[in-house]
PDB file of N, CA and C in Angstrom:
ATOM      1  N   TRP A   1     -65.927-170.548 -47.253  1.00  0.00           N
ATOM      2  CA  TRP A   1     -67.069-170.876 -46.436  1.00  0.00           C
ATOM      3  C   TRP A   1     -68.273-170.128 -46.969  1.00  0.00           C
ATOM      4  N   GLU A   2     -69.411-170.816 -46.990  1.00  0.00           N
ATOM      5  CA  GLU A   2     -70.660-170.206 -47.443  1.00  0.00           C
ATOM      6  C   GLU A   2     -71.790-170.678 -46.537  1.00  0.00           C
ATOM      7  N   SER A   3     -72.596-169.752 -46.056  1.00  0.00           N
ATOM      8  CA  SER A   3     -73.730-170.107 -45.221  1.00  0.00           C
ATOM      9  C   SER A   3     -74.727-170.933 -46.022  1.00  0.00           C
ATOM     10  N   MET A   4     -75.308-171.947 -45.383  1.00  0.00           N
ATOM     11  CA  MET A   4     -76.310-172.769 -46.046  1.00  0.00           C
ATOM     12  C   MET A   4     -77.684-172.117 -46.021  1.00  0.00           C
ATOM     13  N   GLY A   5     -77.870-171.103 -45.196  1.00  0.00           N
ATOM     14  CA  GLY A   5     -79.156-170.421 -45.134  1.00  0.00           C
ATOM     15  C   GLY A   5     -80.141-171.048 -44.164  1.00  0.00           C
ATOM     16  N   PHE A   6     -79.705-172.078 -43.418  1.00  0.00           N
ATOM     17  CA  PHE A   6     -80.547-172.704 -42.403  1.00  0.00           C
ATOM     18  C   PHE A   6     -79.653-173.255 -41.307  1.00  0.00           C
ATOM     19  N   ARG A   7     -80.269-173.666 -40.193  1.00  0.00           N
ATOM     20  CA  ARG A   7     -79.516-174.199 -39.060  1.00  0.00           C
ATOM     21  C   ARG A   7     -79.805-175.678 -38.869  1.00  0.00           C
ATOM     22  N   GLY A   8     -78.750-176.451 -38.621  1.00  0.00           N
ATOM     23  CA  GLY A   8     -78.894-177.870 -38.325  1.00  0.00           C
ATOM     24  C   GLY A   8     -77.755-178.312 -37.425  1.00  0.00           C
ATOM     25  N   HIS A   9     -78.037-179.182 -36.469  1.00  0.00           N
ATOM     26  CA  HIS A   9     -77.046-179.557 -35.456  1.00  0.00           C
ATOM     27  C   HIS A   9     -77.099-181.037 -35.152  1.00  0.00           C
ATOM     28  N   PRO A  10     -76.139-181.823 -35.363  1.00  0.00           N
ATOM     29  CA  PRO A  10     -75.234-181.741 -36.514  1.00  0.00           C
ATOM     30  C   PRO A  10     -75.909-182.316 -37.746  1.00  0.00           C
ATOM     31  N   LEU A  11     -75.285-182.124 -38.884  1.00  0.00           N
ATOM     32  CA  LEU A  11     -75.843-182.595 -40.157  1.00  0.00           C
ATOM     33  C   LEU A  11     -75.361-184.018 -40.451  1.00  0.00           C
ATOM     34  N   ASN A  12     -76.193-184.779 -41.161  1.00  0.00           N
ATOM     35  CA  ASN A  12     -75.800-186.100 -41.645  1.00  0.00           C
ATOM     36  C   ASN A  12     -76.372-186.252 -43.053  1.00  0.00           C
ATOM     37  N   ALA A  13     -75.606-186.840 -43.959  1.00  0.00           N
ATOM     38  CA  ALA A  13     -76.029-186.956 -45.359  1.00  0.00           C
ATOM     39  C   ALA A  13     -76.096-188.412 -45.799  1.00  0.00           C
ATOM     40  N   LEU A  14     -77.073-188.704 -46.644  1.00  0.00           N
ATOM     41  CA  LEU A  14     -77.244-190.033 -47.221  1.00  0.00           C
ATOM     42  C   LEU A  14     -77.486-189.878 -48.716  1.00  0.00           C
ATOM     43  N   ARG A  15     -76.649-190.532 -49.533  1.00  0.00           N
ATOM     44  CA  ARG A  15     -76.853-190.527 -50.989  1.00  0.00           C
ATOM     45  C   ARG A  15     -78.015-191.458 -51.307  1.00  0.00           C
ATOM     46  N   LEU A  16     -79.010-190.945 -52.028  1.00  0.00           N
ATOM     47  CA  LEU A  16     -80.201-191.713 -52.376  1.00  0.00           C
ATOM     48  C   LEU A  16     -79.990-192.486 -53.676  1.00  0.00           C
ATOM     49  N   PRO A  17     -80.826-193.496 -53.954  1.00  0.00           N
ATOM     50  CA  PRO A  17     -80.665-194.290 -55.172  1.00  0.00           C
ATOM     51  C   PRO A  17     -80.676-193.469 -56.464  1.00  0.00           C
ATOM     52  N   ASP A  18     -81.403-192.341 -56.485  1.00  0.00           N
ATOM     53  CA  ASP A  18     -81.447-191.502 -57.690  1.00  0.00           C
ATOM     54  C   ASP A  18     -80.346-190.439 -57.695  1.00  0.00           C
ATOM     55  N   ASN A  19     -79.408-190.557 -56.771  1.00  0.00           N
ATOM     56  CA  ASN A  19     -78.222-189.699 -56.650  1.00  0.00           C
ATOM     57  C   ASN A  19     -78.469-188.386 -55.914  1.00  0.00           C
ATOM     58  N   ARG A  20     -79.720-188.074 -55.542  1.00  0.00           N
ATOM     59  CA  ARG A  20     -79.946-186.910 -54.686  1.00  0.00           C
ATOM     60  C   ARG A  20     -79.370-187.226 -53.306  1.00  0.00           C
ATOM     61  N   VAL A  21     -79.364-186.236 -52.427  1.00  0.00           N
ATOM     62  CA  VAL A  21     -78.792-186.403 -51.087  1.00  0.00           C
ATOM     63  C   VAL A  21     -79.827-186.004 -50.037  1.00  0.00           C
ATOM     64  N   LEU A  22     -80.088-186.919 -49.111  1.00  0.00           N
ATOM     65  CA  LEU A  22     -80.953-186.610 -47.967  1.00  0.00           C
ATOM     66  C   LEU A  22     -80.070-186.064 -46.862  1.00  0.00           C
ATOM     67  N   LEU A  23     -80.354-184.852 -46.436  1.00  0.00           N
ATOM     68  CA  LEU A  23     -79.632-184.206 -45.349  1.00  0.00           C
ATOM     69  C   LEU A  23     -80.552-184.182 -44.138  1.00  0.00           C
ATOM     70  N   THR A  24     -80.132-184.780 -43.015  1.00  0.00           N
ATOM     71  CA  THR A  24     -80.947-184.798 -41.794  1.00  0.00           C
ATOM     72  C   THR A  24     -80.192-184.093 -40.674  1.00  0.00           C
ATOM     73  N   TYR A  25     -80.957-183.549 -39.718  1.00  0.00           N
ATOM     74  CA  TYR A  25     -80.315-182.793 -38.639  1.00  0.00           C
ATOM     75  C   TYR A  25     -81.292-182.522 -37.500  1.00  0.00           C
ATOM     76  N   GLY A  26     -80.714-182.306 -36.316  1.00  0.00           N
ATOM     77  CA  GLY A  26     -81.493-181.825 -35.193  1.00  0.00           C
ATOM     78  C   GLY A  26     -81.716-180.333 -35.370  1.00  0.00           C
ATOM     79  N   TYR A  27     -82.902-179.867 -34.986  1.00  0.00           N
ATOM     80  CA  TYR A  27     -83.216-178.446 -35.058  1.00  0.00           C
ATOM     81  C   TYR A  27     -83.309-177.938 -33.630  1.00  0.00           C
ATOM     82  N   ARG A  28     -82.259-177.278 -33.171  1.00  0.00           N
ATOM     83  CA  ARG A  28     -82.139-176.869 -31.769  1.00  0.00           C
ATOM     84  C   ARG A  28     -82.580-175.429 -31.539  1.00  0.00           C
ATOM     85  N   HIS A  29     -83.676-175.078 -32.157  1.00  0.00           N
ATOM     86  CA  HIS A  29     -84.310-173.768 -32.009  1.00  0.00           C
ATOM     87  C   HIS A  29     -85.808-174.039 -31.969  1.00  0.00           C
ATOM     88  N   GLU A  30     -86.568-173.214 -31.260  1.00  0.00           N
ATOM     89  CA  GLU A  30     -88.000-173.483 -31.144  1.00  0.00           C
ATOM     90  C   GLU A  30     -88.684-173.402 -32.503  1.00  0.00           C
ATOM     91  N   PRO A  31     -89.549-174.323 -32.846  1.00  0.00           N
ATOM     92  CA  PRO A  31     -89.882-175.530 -32.092  1.00  0.00           C
ATOM     93  C   PRO A  31     -88.814-176.609 -32.308  1.00  0.00           C
ATOM     94  N   PHE A  32     -88.288-177.150 -31.215  1.00  0.00           N
ATOM     95  CA  PHE A  32     -87.198-178.122 -31.256  1.00  0.00           C
ATOM     96  C   PHE A  32     -87.650-179.412 -31.922  1.00  0.00           C
ATOM     97  N   GLY A  33     -86.770-180.008 -32.725  1.00  0.00           N
ATOM     98  CA  GLY A  33     -87.146-181.256 -33.374  1.00  0.00           C
ATOM     99  C   GLY A  33     -86.102-181.769 -34.343  1.00  0.00           C
ATOM    100  N   ILE A  34     -86.565-182.579 -35.282  1.00  0.00           N
ATOM    101  CA  ILE A  34     -85.706-183.197 -36.292  1.00  0.00           C
ATOM    102  C   ILE A  34     -86.220-182.767 -37.669  1.00  0.00           C
ATOM    103  N   ARG A  35     -85.294-182.365 -38.526  1.00  0.00           N
ATOM    104  CA  ARG A  35     -85.669-181.881 -39.854  1.00  0.00           C
ATOM    105  C   ARG A  35     -84.781-182.497 -40.924  1.00  0.00           C
ATOM    106  N   ALA A  36     -85.185-182.303 -42.172  1.00  0.00           N
ATOM    107  CA  ALA A  36     -84.444-182.861 -43.301  1.00  0.00           C
ATOM    108  C   ALA A  36     -84.632-181.986 -44.529  1.00  0.00           C
ATOM    109  N   ARG A  37     -83.767-182.194 -45.498  1.00  0.00           N
ATOM    110  CA  ARG A  37     -83.880-181.580 -46.825  1.00  0.00           C
ATOM    111  C   ARG A  37     -83.377-182.605 -47.830  1.00  0.00           C
ATOM    112  N   ILE A  38     -83.955-182.591 -49.020  1.00  0.00           N
ATOM    113  CA  ILE A  38     -83.449-183.423 -50.106  1.00  0.00           C
ATOM    114  C   ILE A  38     -82.772-182.497 -51.104  1.00  0.00           C
ATOM    115  N   LEU A  39     -81.469-182.698 -51.259  1.00  0.00           N
ATOM    116  CA  LEU A  39     -80.651-181.843 -52.121  1.00  0.00           C
ATOM    117  C   LEU A  39     -80.431-182.499 -53.478  1.00  0.00           C
ATOM    118  N   ASN A  40     -80.086-181.690 -54.469  1.00  0.00           N
ATOM    119  CA  ASN A  40     -79.757-182.244 -55.776  1.00  0.00           C
ATOM    120  C   ASN A  40     -78.447-183.036 -55.673  1.00  0.00           C
ATOM    121  N   ALA A  41     -78.083-183.732 -56.727  1.00  0.00           N
ATOM    122  CA  ALA A  41     -76.918-184.624 -56.696  1.00  0.00           C
ATOM    123  C   ALA A  41     -75.623-183.884 -56.381  1.00  0.00           C
ATOM    124  N   GLU A  42     -75.527-182.620 -56.765  1.00  0.00           N
ATOM    125  CA  GLU A  42     -74.317-181.834 -56.513  1.00  0.00           C
ATOM    126  C   GLU A  42     -74.365-181.087 -55.183  1.00  0.00           C
ATOM    127  N   CYS A  43     -75.505-181.159 -54.508  1.00  0.00           N
ATOM    128  CA  CYS A  43     -75.718-180.468 -53.213  1.00  0.00           C
ATOM    129  C   CYS A  43     -75.565-178.957 -53.348  1.00  0.00           C
ATOM    130  N   THR A  44     -75.917-178.421 -54.490  1.00  0.00           N
ATOM    131  CA  THR A  44     -75.786-176.982 -54.703  1.00  0.00           C
ATOM    132  C   THR A  44     -77.047-176.200 -54.345  1.00  0.00           C
ATOM    133  N   ASP A  45     -78.145-176.897 -54.068  1.00  0.00           N
ATOM    134  CA  ASP A  45     -79.403-176.200 -53.765  1.00  0.00           C
ATOM    135  C   ASP A  45     -79.725-176.194 -52.272  1.00  0.00           C
ATOM    136  N   PHE A  46     -78.709-176.277 -51.427  1.00  0.00           N
ATOM    137  CA  PHE A  46     -78.915-176.350 -49.975  1.00  0.00           C
ATOM    138  C   PHE A  46     -79.699-175.175 -49.417  1.00  0.00           C
ATOM    139  N   ALA A  47     -79.558-173.997 -49.981  1.00  0.00           N
ATOM    140  CA  ALA A  47     -80.248-172.813 -49.451  1.00  0.00           C
ATOM    141  C   ALA A  47     -81.706-172.727 -49.891  1.00  0.00           C
ATOM    142  N   THR A  48     -82.082-173.453 -50.946  1.00  0.00           N
ATOM    143  CA  THR A  48     -83.442-173.347 -51.474  1.00  0.00           C
ATOM    144  C   THR A  48     -84.246-174.640 -51.371  1.00  0.00           C
ATOM    145  N   ALA A  49     -83.607-175.754 -51.040  1.00  0.00           N
ATOM    146  CA  ALA A  49     -84.336-177.024 -50.924  1.00  0.00           C
ATOM    147  C   ALA A  49     -85.349-176.915 -49.789  1.00  0.00           C
ATOM    148  N   PRO A  50     -86.587-177.354 -50.017  1.00  0.00           N
ATOM    149  CA  PRO A  50     -87.611-177.262 -48.968  1.00  0.00           C
ATOM    150  C   PRO A  50     -87.226-178.054 -47.720  1.00  0.00           C
ATOM    151  N   GLU A  51     -87.544-177.488 -46.568  1.00  0.00           N
ATOM    152  CA  GLU A  51     -87.274-178.164 -45.307  1.00  0.00           C
ATOM    153  C   GLU A  51     -88.435-179.098 -44.970  1.00  0.00           C
ATOM    154  N   ILE A  52     -88.103-180.299 -44.527  1.00  0.00           N
ATOM    155  CA  ILE A  52     -89.087-181.303 -44.138  1.00  0.00           C
ATOM    156  C   ILE A  52     -89.011-181.450 -42.623  1.00  0.00           C
ATOM    157  N   VAL A  53     -90.118-181.233 -41.932  1.00  0.00           N
ATOM    158  CA  VAL A  53     -90.160-181.387 -40.476  1.00  0.00           C
ATOM    159  C   VAL A  53     -90.548-182.834 -40.167  1.00  0.00           C
ATOM    160  N   LEU A  54     -89.620-183.596 -39.599  1.00  0.00           N
ATOM    161  CA  LEU A  54     -89.917-184.974 -39.210  1.00  0.00           C
ATOM    162  C   LEU A  54     -90.679-185.002 -37.898  1.00  0.00           C
ATOM    163  N   ARG A  55     -90.294-184.134 -36.988  1.00  0.00           N
ATOM    164  CA  ARG A  55     -91.049-183.937 -35.744  1.00  0.00           C
ATOM    165  C   ARG A  55     -90.598-182.643 -35.092  1.00  0.00           C
ATOM    166  N   ASP A  56     -91.487-182.070 -34.274  1.00  0.00           N
ATOM    167  CA  ASP A  56     -91.187-180.786 -33.624  1.00  0.00           C
ATOM    168  C   ASP A  56     -91.739-180.738 -32.205  1.00  0.00           C
ATOM    169  N   ASP A  57     -91.642-181.875 -31.508  1.00  0.00           N
ATOM    170  CA  ASP A  57     -92.209-181.963 -30.163  1.00  0.00           C
ATOM    171  C   ASP A  57     -91.172-182.154 -29.058  1.00  0.00           C
ATOM    172  N   ALA A  58     -89.917-181.866 -29.329  1.00  0.00           N
ATOM    173  CA  ALA A  58     -88.885-181.972 -28.284  1.00  0.00           C
ATOM    174  C   ALA A  58     -89.040-180.820 -27.298  1.00  0.00           C
ATOM    175  N   LYS A  59     -88.552-181.018 -26.086  1.00  0.00           N
ATOM    176  CA  LYS A  59     -88.713-179.991 -25.042  1.00  0.00           C
ATOM    177  C   LYS A  59     -87.520-179.065 -24.897  1.00  0.00           C
ATOM    178  N   ASN A  60     -86.364-179.449 -25.459  1.00  0.00           N
ATOM    179  CA  ASN A  60     -85.197-178.574 -25.364  1.00  0.00           C
ATOM    180  C   ASN A  60     -84.199-178.917 -26.467  1.00  0.00           C
ATOM    181  N   THR A  61     -83.015-178.349 -26.376  1.00  0.00           N
ATOM    182  CA  THR A  61     -82.003-178.490 -27.423  1.00  0.00           C
ATOM    183  C   THR A  61     -81.195-179.776 -27.345  1.00  0.00           C
ATOM    184  N   ASP A  62     -81.428-180.621 -26.371  1.00  0.00           N
ATOM    185  CA  ASP A  62     -80.657-181.858 -26.192  1.00  0.00           C
ATOM    186  C   ASP A  62     -81.213-182.942 -27.123  1.00  0.00           C
ATOM    187  N   ILE A  63     -81.009-182.746 -28.437  1.00  0.00           N
ATOM    188  CA  ILE A  63     -81.560-183.626 -29.471  1.00  0.00           C
ATOM    189  C   ILE A  63     -80.604-183.675 -30.663  1.00  0.00           C
ATOM    190  N   GLY A  64     -80.887-184.551 -31.588  1.00  0.00           N
ATOM    191  CA  GLY A  64     -80.157-184.552 -32.852  1.00  0.00           C
ATOM    192  C   GLY A  64     -79.386-185.823 -33.102  1.00  0.00           C
ATOM    193  N   TYR A  65     -78.198-185.672 -33.681  1.00  0.00           N
ATOM    194  CA  TYR A  65     -77.308-186.792 -34.004  1.00  0.00           C
ATOM    195  C   TYR A  65     -78.028-187.822 -34.872  1.00  0.00           C
ATOM    196  N   THR A  66     -78.624-187.345 -35.963  1.00  0.00           N
ATOM    197  CA  THR A  66     -79.399-188.198 -36.855  1.00  0.00           C
ATOM    198  C   THR A  66     -78.509-189.198 -37.581  1.00  0.00           C
ATOM    199  N   TRP A  67     -79.132-190.312 -37.963  1.00  0.00           N
ATOM    200  CA  TRP A  67     -78.438-191.319 -38.755  1.00  0.00           C
ATOM    201  C   TRP A  67     -79.454-191.945 -39.709  1.00  0.00           C
ATOM    202  N   PRO A  68     -79.440-191.545 -40.994  1.00  0.00           N
ATOM    203  CA  PRO A  68     -80.381-192.109 -41.956  1.00  0.00           C
ATOM    204  C   PRO A  68     -79.812-193.366 -42.622  1.00  0.00           C
ATOM    205  N   VAL A  69     -80.685-194.325 -42.926  1.00  0.00           N
ATOM    206  CA  VAL A  69     -80.266-195.552 -43.617  1.00  0.00           C
ATOM    207  C   VAL A  69     -81.401-196.001 -44.543  1.00  0.00           C
ATOM    208  N   MET A  70     -81.040-196.462 -45.736  1.00  0.00           N
ATOM    209  CA  MET A  70     -82.029-196.979 -46.676  1.00  0.00           C
ATOM    210  C   MET A  70     -82.527-198.334 -46.198  1.00  0.00           C
ATOM    211  N   LEU A  71     -83.859-198.501 -46.148  1.00  0.00           N
ATOM    212  CA  LEU A  71     -84.447-199.794 -45.802  1.00  0.00           C
ATOM    213  C   LEU A  71     -84.693-200.619 -47.065  1.00  0.00           C
ATOM    214  N   ASP A  72     -85.092-199.948 -48.131  1.00  0.00           N
ATOM    215  CA  ASP A  72     -85.266-200.541 -49.453  1.00  0.00           C
ATOM    216  C   ASP A  72     -85.213-199.385 -50.451  1.00  0.00           C
ATOM    217  N   ASP A  73     -85.621-199.597 -51.683  1.00  0.00           N
ATOM    218  CA  ASP A  73     -85.504-198.549 -52.708  1.00  0.00           C
ATOM    219  C   ASP A  73     -86.356-197.317 -52.446  1.00  0.00           C
ATOM    220  N   ARG A  74     -87.376-197.417 -51.601  1.00  0.00           N
ATOM    221  CA  ARG A  74     -88.305-196.296 -51.392  1.00  0.00           C
ATOM    222  C   ARG A  74     -88.417-195.820 -49.952  1.00  0.00           C
ATOM    223  N   HIS A  75     -87.829-196.538 -48.987  1.00  0.00           N
ATOM    224  CA  HIS A  75     -88.011-196.195 -47.577  1.00  0.00           C
ATOM    225  C   HIS A  75     -86.669-195.955 -46.877  1.00  0.00           C
ATOM    226  N   ILE A  76     -86.688-194.943 -46.010  1.00  0.00           N
ATOM    227  CA  ILE A  76     -85.497-194.553 -45.250  1.00  0.00           C
ATOM    228  C   ILE A  76     -85.867-194.507 -43.781  1.00  0.00           C
ATOM    229  N   LEU A  77     -85.043-195.094 -42.951  1.00  0.00           N
ATOM    230  CA  LEU A  77     -85.186-194.976 -41.502  1.00  0.00           C
ATOM    231  C   LEU A  77     -84.201-193.923 -41.027  1.00  0.00           C
ATOM    232  N   VAL A  78     -84.720-192.913 -40.332  1.00  0.00           N
ATOM    233  CA  VAL A  78     -83.865-191.888 -39.722  1.00  0.00           C
ATOM    234  C   VAL A  78     -83.961-192.082 -38.210  1.00  0.00           C
ATOM    235  N   VAL A  79     -82.843-192.447 -37.586  1.00  0.00           N
ATOM    236  CA  VAL A  79     -82.823-192.577 -36.133  1.00  0.00           C
ATOM    237  C   VAL A  79     -82.100-191.366 -35.553  1.00  0.00           C
ATOM    238  N   TYR A  80     -82.413-191.043 -34.297  1.00  0.00           N
ATOM    239  CA  TYR A  80     -81.869-189.844 -33.673  1.00  0.00           C
ATOM    240  C   TYR A  80     -82.006-189.920 -32.155  1.00  0.00           C
ATOM    241  N   TYR A  81     -81.220-189.103 -31.495  1.00  0.00           N
ATOM    242  CA  TYR A  81     -81.257-188.918 -30.046  1.00  0.00           C
ATOM    243  C   TYR A  81     -82.363-187.905 -29.775  1.00  0.00           C
ATOM    244  N   TYR A  82     -83.232-188.186 -28.787  1.00  0.00           N
ATOM    245  CA  TYR A  82     -84.390-187.309 -28.593  1.00  0.00           C
ATOM    246  C   TYR A  82     -84.739-187.127 -27.129  1.00  0.00           C
ATOM    247  N   ASN A  83     -85.467-186.052 -26.854  1.00  0.00           N
ATOM    248  CA  ASN A  83     -85.823-185.658 -25.501  1.00  0.00           C
ATOM    249  C   ASN A  83     -87.237-185.078 -25.540  1.00  0.00           C
ATOM    250  N   LEU A  84     -88.206-185.859 -25.079  1.00  0.00           N
ATOM    251  CA  LEU A  84     -89.599-185.400 -25.115  1.00  0.00           C
ATOM    252  C   LEU A  84     -90.024-184.593 -23.900  1.00  0.00           C
ATOM    253  N   ASP A  85     -89.541-184.964 -22.735  1.00  0.00           N
ATOM    254  CA  ASP A  85     -90.088-184.373 -21.516  1.00  0.00           C
ATOM    255  C   ASP A  85     -89.067-183.622 -20.662  1.00  0.00           C
ATOM    256  N   GLY A  86     -87.866-183.417 -21.164  1.00  0.00           N
ATOM    257  CA  GLY A  86     -86.844-182.738 -20.379  1.00  0.00           C
ATOM    258  C   GLY A  86     -86.171-183.662 -19.383  1.00  0.00           C
ATOM    259  N   GLY A  87     -86.567-184.919 -19.349  1.00  0.00           N
ATOM    260  CA  GLY A  87     -85.994-185.890 -18.427  1.00  0.00           C
ATOM    261  C   GLY A  87     -85.213-186.950 -19.169  1.00  0.00           C
ATOM    262  N   THR A  88     -85.771-188.143 -19.216  1.00  0.00           N
ATOM    263  CA  THR A  88     -85.094-189.269 -19.845  1.00  0.00           C
ATOM    264  C   THR A  88     -84.938-189.060 -21.341  1.00  0.00           C
ATOM    265  N   ARG A  89     -83.714-189.254 -21.826  1.00  0.00           N
ATOM    266  CA  ARG A  89     -83.449-189.166 -23.261  1.00  0.00           C
ATOM    267  C   ARG A  89     -83.572-190.562 -23.853  1.00  0.00           C
ATOM    268  N   HIS A  90     -83.798-190.641 -25.165  1.00  0.00           N
ATOM    269  CA  HIS A  90     -83.944-191.946 -25.804  1.00  0.00           C
ATOM    270  C   HIS A  90     -83.566-191.858 -27.285  1.00  0.00           C
ATOM    271  N   ILE A  91     -83.452-193.015 -27.899  1.00  0.00           N
ATOM    272  CA  ILE A  91     -83.226-193.101 -29.340  1.00  0.00           C
ATOM    273  C   ILE A  91     -84.601-193.349 -29.977  1.00  0.00           C
ATOM    274  N   ALA A  92     -84.926-192.548 -30.983  1.00  0.00           N
ATOM    275  CA  ALA A  92     -86.210-192.666 -31.667  1.00  0.00           C
ATOM    276  C   ALA A  92     -85.942-192.764 -33.171  1.00  0.00           C
ATOM    277  N   GLY A  93     -86.999-192.986 -33.922  1.00  0.00           N
ATOM    278  CA  GLY A  93     -86.830-193.087 -35.366  1.00  0.00           C
ATOM    279  C   GLY A  93     -88.069-192.676 -36.122  1.00  0.00           C
ATOM    280  N   THR A  94     -87.877-192.288 -37.354  1.00  0.00           N
ATOM    281  CA  THR A  94     -88.943-191.921 -38.270  1.00  0.00           C
ATOM    282  C   THR A  94     -88.665-192.598 -39.597  1.00  0.00           C
ATOM    283  N   ILE A  95     -89.692-193.208 -40.180  1.00  0.00           N
ATOM    284  CA  ILE A  95     -89.547-193.828 -41.490  1.00  0.00           C
ATOM    285  C   ILE A  95     -90.107-192.881 -42.546  1.00  0.00           C
ATOM    286  N   LEU A  96     -89.307-192.613 -43.585  1.00  0.00           N
ATOM    287  CA  LEU A  96     -89.694-191.745 -44.686  1.00  0.00           C
ATOM    288  C   LEU A  96     -89.910-192.572 -45.937  1.00  0.00           C
ATOM    289  N   ARG A  97     -90.830-192.137 -46.780  1.00  0.00           N
ATOM    290  CA  ARG A  97     -91.062-192.796 -48.068  1.00  0.00           C
ATOM    291  C   ARG A  97     -90.709-191.822 -49.183  1.00  0.00           C
ATOM    292  N   LEU A  98     -89.834-192.238 -50.067  1.00  0.00           N
ATOM    293  CA  LEU A  98     -89.447-191.402 -51.191  1.00  0.00           C
ATOM    294  C   LEU A  98     -90.560-191.342 -52.225  1.00  0.00           C
ATOM    295  N   GLU A  99     -90.804-190.169 -52.747  1.00  0.00           N
ATOM    296  CA  GLU A  99     -91.802-189.983 -53.817  1.00  0.00           C
ATOM    297  C   GLU A  99     -91.099-189.961 -55.147  1.00  0.00           C
TER     298      GLU A  99
END
């Protein structure tokens, strides 16, 4: 076992067309939200890959369960369970564009 050097709850991975890996996760620490990292093809740079904040406006830890899917060669839809106001929960999504 080796620590990844960051926190994510739970993690989900998607192999990208160029063989890198998009790792998405709920971030259940203030500021609560959804985050991602793009790892190398071997996933060996998990501790140093820059963190991407998809959003950070959740009101508590009842978030996450990301599911990324390729829409085409350059766009990814990341859907997730989210909680904006501490009341009604919902499914939301963010579209990412690969550079």
